[in-house]
Amino acid sequence: MSNKKEHEEVWKTHPEFPYYEFSSLGQVRNKITKEVKELKRPKNSNYYVLRRKDEGKIKTKFLHKIMVELFIGPVPPNMTIDHINGNPRDNRVANLEIVTKKENTRRQIKMWSHPHSFYNRDLVAAHSEKRWVYNGKIYNWIEILKLLHAQGIIYYQVKWESGKNGRIGRLPNGEFIQRVKNIEKWQDENLDEF
């Protein structure tokens, strides 16, 4: 049962984005003209971001982080923001919750695995490709998340590096996972291990 307060729209200004107002219902508008801004996502992301110039450099910030900072409060260290209904484009304050990174990973596994996920279909397809190598075996991203979770390792504990052959994640236990750019080439080079 939803309450009336959840549907009342409240507008606030964020100090990093003084020309915009942010609504408790997830809207962004020009502070002067009151025109609602069309929100955009980076090419390979499910999350809306806002950009601004700061001392000549472009700075970006996720909309859900702005909303939480304005309406809920600061996100403590080792905590993160979860979209309760799994839809990363639903930035209503009622849909945002500060959770542990472990809980967020658990929920993310559930959402990525769901056949009617709100996640961008191209990203779901990309994460379904078996391009990740862990202990000599090939996995897709969802399988990697599940393997790490089963060992008590959460995504946020992985130290990422980019190399000429792909992305490498160093795990807290000393092992690593690798995203291979050319999986066929990797298989040919490691044929003896199969």
N, C-alpha and C. Protein backbone atom coordinates (compact mmCIF):
# COMPACT_ATOMS: atom_id res chain seq x y z
N MET A 1 0.84 -1.17 0.00
CA MET A 1 0.00 0.00 0.00
C MET A 1 0.89 1.24 0.00
N SER A 2 0.73 2.10 -1.01
CA SER A 2 1.56 3.29 -1.08
C SER A 2 0.88 4.42 -0.31
N ASN A 3 1.70 5.28 0.24
CA ASN A 3 1.11 6.40 0.97
C ASN A 3 1.15 7.66 0.12
N LYS A 4 0.37 8.66 0.51
CA LYS A 4 0.23 9.89 -0.26
C LYS A 4 1.56 10.64 -0.39
N LYS A 5 2.35 10.63 0.67
CA LYS A 5 3.62 11.35 0.68
C LYS A 5 4.56 10.85 -0.43
N GLU A 6 4.47 9.55 -0.73
CA GLU A 6 5.29 8.95 -1.76
C GLU A 6 5.02 9.56 -3.13
N HIS A 7 3.80 10.07 -3.36
CA HIS A 7 3.41 10.61 -4.66
C HIS A 7 3.48 12.14 -4.72
N GLU A 8 3.75 12.80 -3.59
CA GLU A 8 3.89 14.25 -3.60
C GLU A 8 5.26 14.59 -4.17
N GLU A 9 5.27 15.55 -5.10
CA GLU A 9 6.54 15.93 -5.73
C GLU A 9 7.18 17.09 -4.98
N VAL A 10 8.42 16.87 -4.55
CA VAL A 10 9.20 17.88 -3.85
C VAL A 10 10.43 18.16 -4.71
N TRP A 11 10.77 19.44 -4.90
CA TRP A 11 11.93 19.82 -5.71
C TRP A 11 13.03 20.38 -4.83
N LYS A 12 14.28 19.97 -5.10
CA LYS A 12 15.44 20.48 -4.36
C LYS A 12 16.59 20.74 -5.33
N THR A 13 17.52 21.59 -4.90
CA THR A 13 18.70 21.90 -5.70
C THR A 13 19.92 21.25 -5.06
N HIS A 14 20.77 20.66 -5.89
CA HIS A 14 22.00 20.02 -5.42
C HIS A 14 23.15 21.02 -5.60
N PRO A 15 24.03 21.17 -4.60
CA PRO A 15 25.10 22.17 -4.70
C PRO A 15 26.05 21.97 -5.89
N GLU A 16 26.20 20.75 -6.36
CA GLU A 16 27.08 20.51 -7.51
C GLU A 16 26.39 20.83 -8.84
N PHE A 17 25.07 20.96 -8.84
CA PHE A 17 24.30 21.24 -10.05
C PHE A 17 23.33 22.38 -9.77
N PRO A 18 23.83 23.60 -9.55
CA PRO A 18 22.98 24.71 -9.11
C PRO A 18 21.96 25.19 -10.14
N TYR A 19 22.10 24.79 -11.40
CA TYR A 19 21.17 25.26 -12.44
C TYR A 19 19.99 24.31 -12.62
N TYR A 20 19.98 23.24 -11.87
CA TYR A 20 18.90 22.26 -11.98
C TYR A 20 18.18 22.08 -10.65
N GLU A 21 16.96 21.60 -10.75
CA GLU A 21 16.19 21.17 -9.59
C GLU A 21 15.88 19.69 -9.78
N PHE A 22 15.87 18.97 -8.68
CA PHE A 22 15.65 17.53 -8.71
C PHE A 22 14.40 17.20 -7.92
N SER A 23 13.55 16.37 -8.53
CA SER A 23 12.27 16.04 -7.94
C SER A 23 12.34 14.71 -7.19
N SER A 24 11.57 14.60 -6.13
CA SER A 24 11.50 13.35 -5.37
C SER A 24 10.91 12.22 -6.22
N LEU A 25 10.31 12.58 -7.37
CA LEU A 25 9.77 11.57 -8.29
C LEU A 25 10.75 11.25 -9.42
N GLY A 26 11.99 11.71 -9.28
CA GLY A 26 13.03 11.34 -10.23
C GLY A 26 13.19 12.25 -11.43
N GLN A 27 12.53 13.38 -11.45
CA GLN A 27 12.62 14.33 -12.57
C GLN A 27 13.76 15.32 -12.33
N VAL A 28 14.26 15.90 -13.42
CA VAL A 28 15.26 16.96 -13.37
C VAL A 28 14.75 18.08 -14.25
N ARG A 29 14.82 19.32 -13.74
CA ARG A 29 14.36 20.44 -14.56
C ARG A 29 15.30 21.63 -14.41
N ASN A 30 15.23 22.51 -15.42
CA ASN A 30 15.98 23.75 -15.41
C ASN A 30 15.43 24.62 -14.30
N LYS A 31 16.30 25.16 -13.47
CA LYS A 31 15.87 25.94 -12.31
C LYS A 31 15.15 27.23 -12.71
N ILE A 32 15.55 27.83 -13.83
CA ILE A 32 14.96 29.11 -14.25
C ILE A 32 13.71 28.90 -15.09
N THR A 33 13.82 28.08 -16.16
CA THR A 33 12.69 27.90 -17.08
C THR A 33 11.67 26.88 -16.59
N LYS A 34 12.07 26.05 -15.64
CA LYS A 34 11.24 24.95 -15.10
C LYS A 34 10.98 23.86 -16.14
N GLU A 35 11.72 23.89 -17.24
CA GLU A 35 11.58 22.88 -18.28
C GLU A 35 12.25 21.58 -17.82
N VAL A 36 11.50 20.47 -17.92
CA VAL A 36 12.02 19.16 -17.50
C VAL A 36 13.08 18.71 -18.50
N LYS A 37 14.21 18.27 -17.98
CA LYS A 37 15.34 17.85 -18.80
C LYS A 37 15.14 16.41 -19.26
N GLU A 38 15.47 16.18 -20.53
CA GLU A 38 15.46 14.81 -21.05
C GLU A 38 16.72 14.12 -20.55
N LEU A 39 16.54 13.03 -19.85
CA LEU A 39 17.67 12.33 -19.24
C LEU A 39 18.32 11.38 -20.25
N LYS A 40 19.65 11.27 -20.16
CA LYS A 40 20.39 10.40 -21.07
C LYS A 40 21.29 9.47 -20.27
N ARG A 41 21.59 8.34 -20.90
CA ARG A 41 22.50 7.36 -20.29
C ARG A 41 23.73 7.23 -21.17
N PRO A 42 24.88 6.96 -20.56
CA PRO A 42 26.05 6.63 -21.38
C PRO A 42 25.77 5.36 -22.18
N LYS A 43 26.48 5.18 -23.26
CA LYS A 43 26.23 4.06 -24.18
C LYS A 43 26.16 2.70 -23.50
N ASN A 44 27.10 2.40 -22.64
CA ASN A 44 27.14 1.08 -22.01
C ASN A 44 26.74 1.10 -20.55
N SER A 45 25.68 1.84 -20.25
CA SER A 45 25.24 1.93 -18.86
C SER A 45 23.72 1.90 -18.80
N ASN A 46 23.21 1.42 -17.70
CA ASN A 46 21.77 1.45 -17.47
C ASN A 46 21.35 2.65 -16.65
N TYR A 47 22.30 3.43 -16.17
CA TYR A 47 22.03 4.51 -15.23
C TYR A 47 22.12 5.88 -15.88
N TYR A 48 21.20 6.76 -15.50
CA TYR A 48 21.26 8.14 -15.96
C TYR A 48 22.39 8.88 -15.24
N VAL A 49 23.07 9.75 -15.99
CA VAL A 49 24.11 10.58 -15.39
C VAL A 49 23.88 12.04 -15.76
N LEU A 50 24.39 12.93 -14.94
CA LEU A 50 24.41 14.35 -15.26
C LEU A 50 25.87 14.76 -15.37
N ARG A 51 26.12 15.67 -16.31
CA ARG A 51 27.48 16.15 -16.52
C ARG A 51 27.55 17.63 -16.21
N ARG A 52 28.72 18.06 -15.76
CA ARG A 52 28.95 19.48 -15.51
C ARG A 52 30.43 19.76 -15.70
N LYS A 53 30.75 21.01 -15.97
CA LYS A 53 32.15 21.42 -16.07
C LYS A 53 32.61 21.92 -14.71
N ASP A 54 33.80 21.49 -14.32
CA ASP A 54 34.38 21.93 -13.06
C ASP A 54 35.86 22.21 -13.34
N GLU A 55 36.22 23.49 -13.30
CA GLU A 55 37.59 23.91 -13.58
C GLU A 55 38.09 23.35 -14.91
N GLY A 56 37.24 23.44 -15.93
CA GLY A 56 37.60 23.01 -17.28
C GLY A 56 37.49 21.52 -17.53
N LYS A 57 37.18 20.73 -16.52
CA LYS A 57 37.05 19.28 -16.69
C LYS A 57 35.59 18.89 -16.59
N ILE A 58 35.21 17.90 -17.40
CA ILE A 58 33.84 17.38 -17.34
C ILE A 58 33.74 16.40 -16.18
N LYS A 59 32.78 16.64 -15.30
CA LYS A 59 32.51 15.75 -14.16
C LYS A 59 31.14 15.13 -14.38
N THR A 60 31.01 13.86 -14.04
CA THR A 60 29.72 13.19 -14.16
C THR A 60 29.30 12.66 -12.78
N LYS A 61 28.00 12.54 -12.62
CA LYS A 61 27.47 11.99 -11.37
C LYS A 61 26.18 11.25 -11.70
N PHE A 62 26.02 10.07 -11.12
CA PHE A 62 24.80 9.30 -11.33
C PHE A 62 23.61 10.02 -10.72
N LEU A 63 22.49 10.02 -11.45
CA LEU A 63 21.28 10.67 -10.95
C LEU A 63 20.82 10.05 -9.64
N HIS A 64 20.87 8.73 -9.53
CA HIS A 64 20.40 8.10 -8.29
C HIS A 64 21.23 8.54 -7.08
N LYS A 65 22.51 8.81 -7.30
CA LYS A 65 23.36 9.29 -6.19
C LYS A 65 22.95 10.70 -5.78
N ILE A 66 22.65 11.55 -6.76
CA ILE A 66 22.18 12.92 -6.47
C ILE A 66 20.89 12.85 -5.67
N MET A 67 19.97 12.00 -6.11
CA MET A 67 18.66 11.88 -5.45
C MET A 67 18.82 11.45 -3.99
N VAL A 68 19.66 10.46 -3.76
CA VAL A 68 19.86 9.98 -2.39
C VAL A 68 20.50 11.06 -1.53
N GLU A 69 21.51 11.74 -2.06
CA GLU A 69 22.17 12.80 -1.30
C GLU A 69 21.19 13.90 -0.91
N LEU A 70 20.27 14.23 -1.81
CA LEU A 70 19.30 15.30 -1.55
C LEU A 70 18.18 14.88 -0.61
N PHE A 71 17.65 13.70 -0.79
CA PHE A 71 16.42 13.32 -0.10
C PHE A 71 16.59 12.30 1.03
N ILE A 72 17.68 11.55 1.02
CA ILE A 72 17.88 10.53 2.05
C ILE A 72 19.07 10.88 2.96
N GLY A 73 20.18 11.20 2.34
CA GLY A 73 21.37 11.56 3.11
C GLY A 73 22.62 11.00 2.46
N PRO A 74 23.78 11.25 3.07
CA PRO A 74 25.03 10.76 2.48
C PRO A 74 25.11 9.24 2.50
N VAL A 75 25.81 8.70 1.51
CA VAL A 75 26.01 7.25 1.43
C VAL A 75 27.28 6.92 2.23
N PRO A 76 27.14 6.18 3.32
CA PRO A 76 28.32 5.85 4.14
C PRO A 76 29.33 5.00 3.36
N PRO A 77 30.59 5.04 3.80
CA PRO A 77 31.60 4.17 3.16
C PRO A 77 31.15 2.71 3.23
N ASN A 78 31.52 1.95 2.23
CA ASN A 78 31.19 0.53 2.11
C ASN A 78 29.69 0.26 1.95
N MET A 79 28.94 1.29 1.64
CA MET A 79 27.52 1.14 1.34
C MET A 79 27.31 1.62 -0.09
N THR A 80 26.17 1.29 -0.66
CA THR A 80 25.87 1.72 -2.02
C THR A 80 24.36 1.92 -2.15
N ILE A 81 23.93 2.31 -3.34
CA ILE A 81 22.51 2.61 -3.57
C ILE A 81 21.89 1.50 -4.41
N ASP A 82 20.73 1.03 -3.99
CA ASP A 82 20.01 0.00 -4.72
C ASP A 82 18.69 0.57 -5.24
N HIS A 83 18.35 0.21 -6.48
CA HIS A 83 17.03 0.51 -7.03
C HIS A 83 16.14 -0.67 -6.62
N ILE A 84 15.24 -0.43 -5.71
CA ILE A 84 14.46 -1.49 -5.07
C ILE A 84 13.73 -2.38 -6.07
N ASN A 85 13.11 -1.77 -7.10
CA ASN A 85 12.35 -2.56 -8.07
C ASN A 85 13.23 -3.13 -9.18
N GLY A 86 14.54 -2.89 -9.11
CA GLY A 86 15.47 -3.42 -10.10
C GLY A 86 15.58 -2.59 -11.36
N ASN A 87 14.79 -1.53 -11.48
CA ASN A 87 14.83 -0.69 -12.67
C ASN A 87 15.80 0.46 -12.44
N PRO A 88 16.97 0.44 -13.09
CA PRO A 88 17.98 1.47 -12.85
C PRO A 88 17.59 2.84 -13.40
N ARG A 89 16.51 2.91 -14.13
CA ARG A 89 16.05 4.20 -14.66
C ARG A 89 14.91 4.80 -13.83
N ASP A 90 14.50 4.09 -12.79
CA ASP A 90 13.45 4.58 -11.89
C ASP A 90 14.12 5.22 -10.68
N ASN A 91 14.29 6.54 -10.75
CA ASN A 91 15.03 7.26 -9.71
C ASN A 91 14.14 7.99 -8.72
N ARG A 92 12.91 7.51 -8.56
CA ARG A 92 12.05 8.06 -7.51
C ARG A 92 12.70 7.75 -6.16
N VAL A 93 12.62 8.68 -5.25
CA VAL A 93 13.22 8.48 -3.93
C VAL A 93 12.65 7.22 -3.27
N ALA A 94 11.37 6.94 -3.47
CA ALA A 94 10.73 5.76 -2.89
C ALA A 94 11.32 4.46 -3.43
N ASN A 95 12.05 4.52 -4.56
CA ASN A 95 12.63 3.34 -5.17
C ASN A 95 14.13 3.20 -4.86
N LEU A 96 14.68 4.11 -4.09
CA LEU A 96 16.11 4.09 -3.80
C LEU A 96 16.36 3.73 -2.34
N GLU A 97 17.37 2.91 -2.12
CA GLU A 97 17.68 2.47 -0.76
C GLU A 97 19.19 2.33 -0.61
N ILE A 98 19.71 2.77 0.52
CA ILE A 98 21.12 2.57 0.83
C ILE A 98 21.26 1.18 1.44
N VAL A 99 22.12 0.35 0.82
CA VAL A 99 22.32 -1.03 1.28
C VAL A 99 23.81 -1.34 1.32
N THR A 100 24.15 -2.47 1.93
CA THR A 100 25.54 -2.91 1.89
C THR A 100 25.88 -3.32 0.47
N LYS A 101 27.15 -3.29 0.15
CA LYS A 101 27.58 -3.70 -1.19
C LYS A 101 27.30 -5.19 -1.42
N LYS A 102 27.38 -5.97 -0.35
CA LYS A 102 27.08 -7.41 -0.46
C LYS A 102 25.61 -7.62 -0.81
N GLU A 103 24.73 -6.90 -0.14
CA GLU A 103 23.30 -7.01 -0.43
C GLU A 103 23.00 -6.54 -1.85
N ASN A 104 23.66 -5.47 -2.28
CA ASN A 104 23.46 -4.95 -3.63
C ASN A 104 23.87 -5.99 -4.67
N THR A 105 25.00 -6.66 -4.43
CA THR A 105 25.46 -7.70 -5.34
C THR A 105 24.45 -8.85 -5.40
N ARG A 106 23.93 -9.25 -4.24
CA ARG A 106 22.93 -10.33 -4.19
C ARG A 106 21.71 -9.96 -5.02
N ARG A 107 21.24 -8.73 -4.85
CA ARG A 107 20.07 -8.28 -5.60
C ARG A 107 20.39 -8.15 -7.09
N GLN A 108 21.62 -7.72 -7.41
CA GLN A 108 22.01 -7.57 -8.81
C GLN A 108 22.02 -8.93 -9.52
N ILE A 109 22.52 -9.95 -8.86
CA ILE A 109 22.53 -11.29 -9.45
C ILE A 109 21.09 -11.71 -9.77
N LYS A 110 20.20 -11.47 -8.84
CA LYS A 110 18.79 -11.82 -9.03
C LYS A 110 18.20 -11.06 -10.22
N MET A 111 18.50 -9.77 -10.32
CA MET A 111 17.93 -8.95 -11.40
C MET A 111 18.52 -9.30 -12.76
N TRP A 112 19.84 -9.47 -12.83
CA TRP A 112 20.47 -9.80 -14.11
C TRP A 112 19.96 -11.14 -14.62
N SER A 113 19.65 -12.04 -13.72
CA SER A 113 19.21 -13.38 -14.11
C SER A 113 17.74 -13.44 -14.48
N HIS A 114 16.98 -12.42 -14.12
CA HIS A 114 15.54 -12.42 -14.36
C HIS A 114 15.24 -12.23 -15.85
N PRO A 115 14.38 -13.07 -16.46
CA PRO A 115 14.11 -12.96 -17.90
C PRO A 115 13.43 -11.65 -18.32
N HIS A 116 12.75 -10.99 -17.41
CA HIS A 116 12.08 -9.73 -17.75
C HIS A 116 12.76 -8.55 -17.07
N SER A 117 14.07 -8.65 -16.94
CA SER A 117 14.86 -7.61 -16.28
C SER A 117 14.70 -6.26 -16.97
N PHE A 118 14.76 -5.19 -16.18
CA PHE A 118 14.71 -3.83 -16.72
C PHE A 118 16.02 -3.44 -17.38
N TYR A 119 17.07 -4.23 -17.16
CA TYR A 119 18.37 -3.87 -17.68
C TYR A 119 18.36 -3.84 -19.20
N ASN A 120 19.16 -2.97 -19.74
CA ASN A 120 19.33 -2.80 -21.18
C ASN A 120 19.62 -4.17 -21.81
N ARG A 121 18.83 -4.53 -22.80
CA ARG A 121 18.95 -5.85 -23.44
C ARG A 121 20.35 -6.08 -24.00
N ASP A 122 20.97 -5.03 -24.58
CA ASP A 122 22.32 -5.19 -25.14
C ASP A 122 23.32 -5.52 -24.03
N LEU A 123 23.16 -4.87 -22.88
CA LEU A 123 24.06 -5.16 -21.76
C LEU A 123 23.82 -6.56 -21.21
N VAL A 124 22.56 -6.97 -21.12
CA VAL A 124 22.27 -8.32 -20.64
C VAL A 124 22.88 -9.34 -21.60
N ALA A 125 22.74 -9.09 -22.91
CA ALA A 125 23.33 -10.00 -23.90
C ALA A 125 24.85 -10.03 -23.77
N ALA A 126 25.45 -8.84 -23.61
CA ALA A 126 26.91 -8.77 -23.47
C ALA A 126 27.37 -9.50 -22.21
N HIS A 127 26.63 -9.37 -21.12
CA HIS A 127 27.01 -10.03 -19.88
C HIS A 127 26.71 -11.52 -19.92
N SER A 128 25.91 -11.96 -20.89
CA SER A 128 25.61 -13.38 -21.04
C SER A 128 26.67 -14.10 -21.87
N GLU A 129 27.50 -13.32 -22.59
CA GLU A 129 28.57 -13.92 -23.39
C GLU A 129 29.63 -14.51 -22.46
N LYS A 130 30.12 -15.67 -22.84
CA LYS A 130 31.17 -16.31 -22.04
C LYS A 130 32.51 -15.72 -22.46
N ARG A 131 32.91 -14.65 -21.76
CA ARG A 131 34.15 -13.93 -22.07
C ARG A 131 35.05 -13.79 -20.86
N TRP A 132 34.65 -14.38 -19.73
CA TRP A 132 35.40 -14.22 -18.49
C TRP A 132 36.10 -15.53 -18.14
N VAL A 133 37.37 -15.44 -17.76
CA VAL A 133 38.14 -16.62 -17.40
C VAL A 133 38.46 -16.56 -15.91
N TYR A 134 38.17 -17.67 -15.24
CA TYR A 134 38.46 -17.79 -13.81
C TYR A 134 38.91 -19.22 -13.56
N ASN A 135 40.10 -19.38 -13.00
CA ASN A 135 40.68 -20.71 -12.74
C ASN A 135 40.67 -21.60 -13.98
N GLY A 136 40.98 -21.01 -15.13
CA GLY A 136 41.09 -21.77 -16.37
C GLY A 136 39.79 -22.14 -17.04
N LYS A 137 38.66 -21.70 -16.50
CA LYS A 137 37.36 -21.99 -17.10
C LYS A 137 36.72 -20.70 -17.59
N ILE A 138 35.84 -20.82 -18.56
CA ILE A 138 35.19 -19.66 -19.17
C ILE A 138 33.77 -19.52 -18.63
N TYR A 139 33.42 -18.29 -18.26
CA TYR A 139 32.11 -17.98 -17.69
C TYR A 139 31.54 -16.72 -18.32
N ASN A 140 30.23 -16.51 -18.10
CA ASN A 140 29.65 -15.20 -18.42
C ASN A 140 29.68 -14.36 -17.14
N TRP A 141 29.34 -13.08 -17.26
CA TRP A 141 29.45 -12.17 -16.12
C TRP A 141 28.54 -12.57 -14.95
N ILE A 142 27.34 -13.01 -15.25
CA ILE A 142 26.41 -13.40 -14.19
C ILE A 142 26.98 -14.60 -13.42
N GLU A 143 27.55 -15.55 -14.14
CA GLU A 143 28.17 -16.71 -13.48
C GLU A 143 29.35 -16.28 -12.61
N ILE A 144 30.12 -15.32 -13.08
CA ILE A 144 31.25 -14.80 -12.29
C ILE A 144 30.74 -14.18 -10.99
N LEU A 145 29.69 -13.34 -11.10
CA LEU A 145 29.12 -12.73 -9.89
C LEU A 145 28.68 -13.79 -8.89
N LYS A 146 28.03 -14.84 -9.40
CA LYS A 146 27.56 -15.92 -8.52
C LYS A 146 28.72 -16.67 -7.86
N LEU A 147 29.77 -16.95 -8.65
CA LEU A 147 30.95 -17.64 -8.10
C LEU A 147 31.61 -16.81 -7.00
N LEU A 148 31.77 -15.53 -7.26
CA LEU A 148 32.39 -14.65 -6.26
C LEU A 148 31.52 -14.58 -5.01
N HIS A 149 30.22 -14.42 -5.22
CA HIS A 149 29.28 -14.30 -4.09
C HIS A 149 29.33 -15.56 -3.22
N ALA A 150 29.43 -16.73 -3.86
CA ALA A 150 29.50 -17.99 -3.11
C ALA A 150 30.76 -18.07 -2.24
N GLN A 151 31.80 -17.33 -2.64
CA GLN A 151 33.05 -17.31 -1.86
C GLN A 151 33.09 -16.15 -0.87
N GLY A 152 31.99 -15.40 -0.81
CA GLY A 152 31.95 -14.26 0.10
C GLY A 152 32.67 -13.04 -0.44
N ILE A 153 32.96 -13.03 -1.75
CA ILE A 153 33.63 -11.90 -2.38
C ILE A 153 32.59 -11.09 -3.13
N ILE A 154 32.58 -9.79 -2.93
CA ILE A 154 31.65 -8.95 -3.66
C ILE A 154 32.40 -8.15 -4.72
N TYR A 155 31.67 -7.78 -5.75
CA TYR A 155 32.23 -7.08 -6.90
C TYR A 155 33.10 -5.90 -6.48
N TYR A 156 32.67 -5.17 -5.46
CA TYR A 156 33.38 -3.97 -5.04
C TYR A 156 34.75 -4.26 -4.44
N GLN A 157 35.03 -5.50 -4.09
CA GLN A 157 36.33 -5.86 -3.53
C GLN A 157 37.35 -6.20 -4.61
N VAL A 158 36.91 -6.30 -5.86
CA VAL A 158 37.80 -6.66 -6.96
C VAL A 158 38.58 -5.41 -7.38
N LYS A 159 39.91 -5.55 -7.51
CA LYS A 159 40.77 -4.46 -7.97
C LYS A 159 40.98 -4.62 -9.47
N TRP A 160 40.47 -3.68 -10.26
CA TRP A 160 40.47 -3.80 -11.71
C TRP A 160 41.66 -3.13 -12.36
N GLU A 161 42.18 -3.78 -13.41
CA GLU A 161 43.24 -3.23 -14.24
C GLU A 161 42.87 -3.52 -15.69
N SER A 162 43.29 -2.64 -16.60
CA SER A 162 43.09 -2.90 -18.03
C SER A 162 44.43 -3.23 -18.65
N GLY A 163 44.44 -4.26 -19.46
CA GLY A 163 45.66 -4.67 -20.15
C GLY A 163 45.41 -4.84 -21.63
N LYS A 164 46.46 -5.14 -22.38
CA LYS A 164 46.31 -5.26 -23.83
C LYS A 164 45.43 -6.44 -24.22
N ASN A 165 45.34 -7.45 -23.37
CA ASN A 165 44.53 -8.63 -23.68
C ASN A 165 43.14 -8.60 -23.06
N GLY A 166 42.83 -7.56 -22.32
CA GLY A 166 41.52 -7.49 -21.69
C GLY A 166 41.61 -6.92 -20.28
N ARG A 167 40.53 -7.04 -19.56
CA ARG A 167 40.43 -6.50 -18.21
C ARG A 167 40.74 -7.58 -17.19
N ILE A 168 41.51 -7.23 -16.17
CA ILE A 168 41.87 -8.20 -15.13
C ILE A 168 41.37 -7.69 -13.79
N GLY A 169 40.71 -8.59 -13.05
CA GLY A 169 40.25 -8.26 -11.71
C GLY A 169 40.99 -9.10 -10.69
N ARG A 170 41.71 -8.45 -9.80
CA ARG A 170 42.45 -9.15 -8.73
C ARG A 170 41.53 -9.30 -7.52
N LEU A 171 41.36 -10.53 -7.08
CA LEU A 171 40.46 -10.84 -5.97
C LEU A 171 41.20 -10.74 -4.64
N PRO A 172 40.46 -10.53 -3.55
CA PRO A 172 41.10 -10.43 -2.23
C PRO A 172 41.86 -11.69 -1.83
N ASN A 173 41.48 -12.85 -2.38
CA ASN A 173 42.15 -14.11 -2.03
C ASN A 173 43.40 -14.37 -2.87
N GLY A 174 43.80 -13.40 -3.72
CA GLY A 174 45.01 -13.55 -4.53
C GLY A 174 44.76 -14.09 -5.93
N GLU A 175 43.59 -14.64 -6.17
CA GLU A 175 43.26 -15.13 -7.51
C GLU A 175 42.84 -13.95 -8.39
N PHE A 176 42.61 -14.24 -9.67
CA PHE A 176 42.16 -13.17 -10.55
C PHE A 176 41.14 -13.70 -11.55
N ILE A 177 40.35 -12.78 -12.07
CA ILE A 177 39.44 -13.08 -13.18
C ILE A 177 39.87 -12.19 -14.33
N GLN A 178 39.63 -12.66 -15.54
CA GLN A 178 40.05 -11.88 -16.70
C GLN A 178 38.93 -11.84 -17.73
N ARG A 179 38.67 -10.63 -18.23
CA ARG A 179 37.74 -10.49 -19.35
C ARG A 179 38.59 -10.51 -20.61
N VAL A 180 38.38 -11.51 -21.43
CA VAL A 180 39.20 -11.72 -22.61
C VAL A 180 38.56 -11.05 -23.82
N LYS A 181 39.35 -10.24 -24.53
CA LYS A 181 38.82 -9.54 -25.71
C LYS A 181 38.46 -10.52 -26.81
N ASN A 182 39.35 -11.48 -27.07
CA ASN A 182 39.13 -12.45 -28.14
C ASN A 182 39.14 -13.85 -27.52
N ILE A 183 37.96 -14.34 -27.19
CA ILE A 183 37.86 -15.61 -26.47
C ILE A 183 38.33 -16.79 -27.33
N GLU A 184 38.08 -16.72 -28.65
CA GLU A 184 38.52 -17.80 -29.54
C GLU A 184 40.05 -17.89 -29.55
N LYS A 185 40.70 -16.74 -29.63
CA LYS A 185 42.17 -16.71 -29.60
C LYS A 185 42.67 -17.26 -28.26
N TRP A 186 42.04 -16.87 -27.17
CA TRP A 186 42.44 -17.35 -25.85
C TRP A 186 42.31 -18.87 -25.78
N GLN A 187 41.20 -19.40 -26.32
CA GLN A 187 40.99 -20.85 -26.31
C GLN A 187 42.06 -21.56 -27.12
N ASP A 188 42.41 -21.01 -28.30
CA ASP A 188 43.46 -21.61 -29.12
C ASP A 188 44.79 -21.65 -28.38
N GLU A 189 45.11 -20.55 -27.70
CA GLU A 189 46.39 -20.45 -26.98
C GLU A 189 46.41 -21.34 -25.74
N ASN A 190 45.25 -21.68 -25.20
CA ASN A 190 45.17 -22.47 -23.97
C ASN A 190 44.50 -23.82 -24.22
N LEU A 191 44.60 -24.33 -25.43
CA LEU A 191 43.94 -25.56 -25.84
C LEU A 191 44.30 -26.75 -24.95
N ASP A 192 45.53 -26.81 -24.50
CA ASP A 192 45.98 -27.94 -23.67
C ASP A 192 45.20 -28.05 -22.36
N GLU A 193 44.64 -26.93 -21.91
CA GLU A 193 43.95 -26.93 -20.62
C GLU A 193 42.51 -27.42 -20.72
N PHE A 194 41.99 -27.61 -21.93
CA PHE A 194 40.59 -28.02 -22.08
C PHE A 194 40.45 -29.52 -22.19
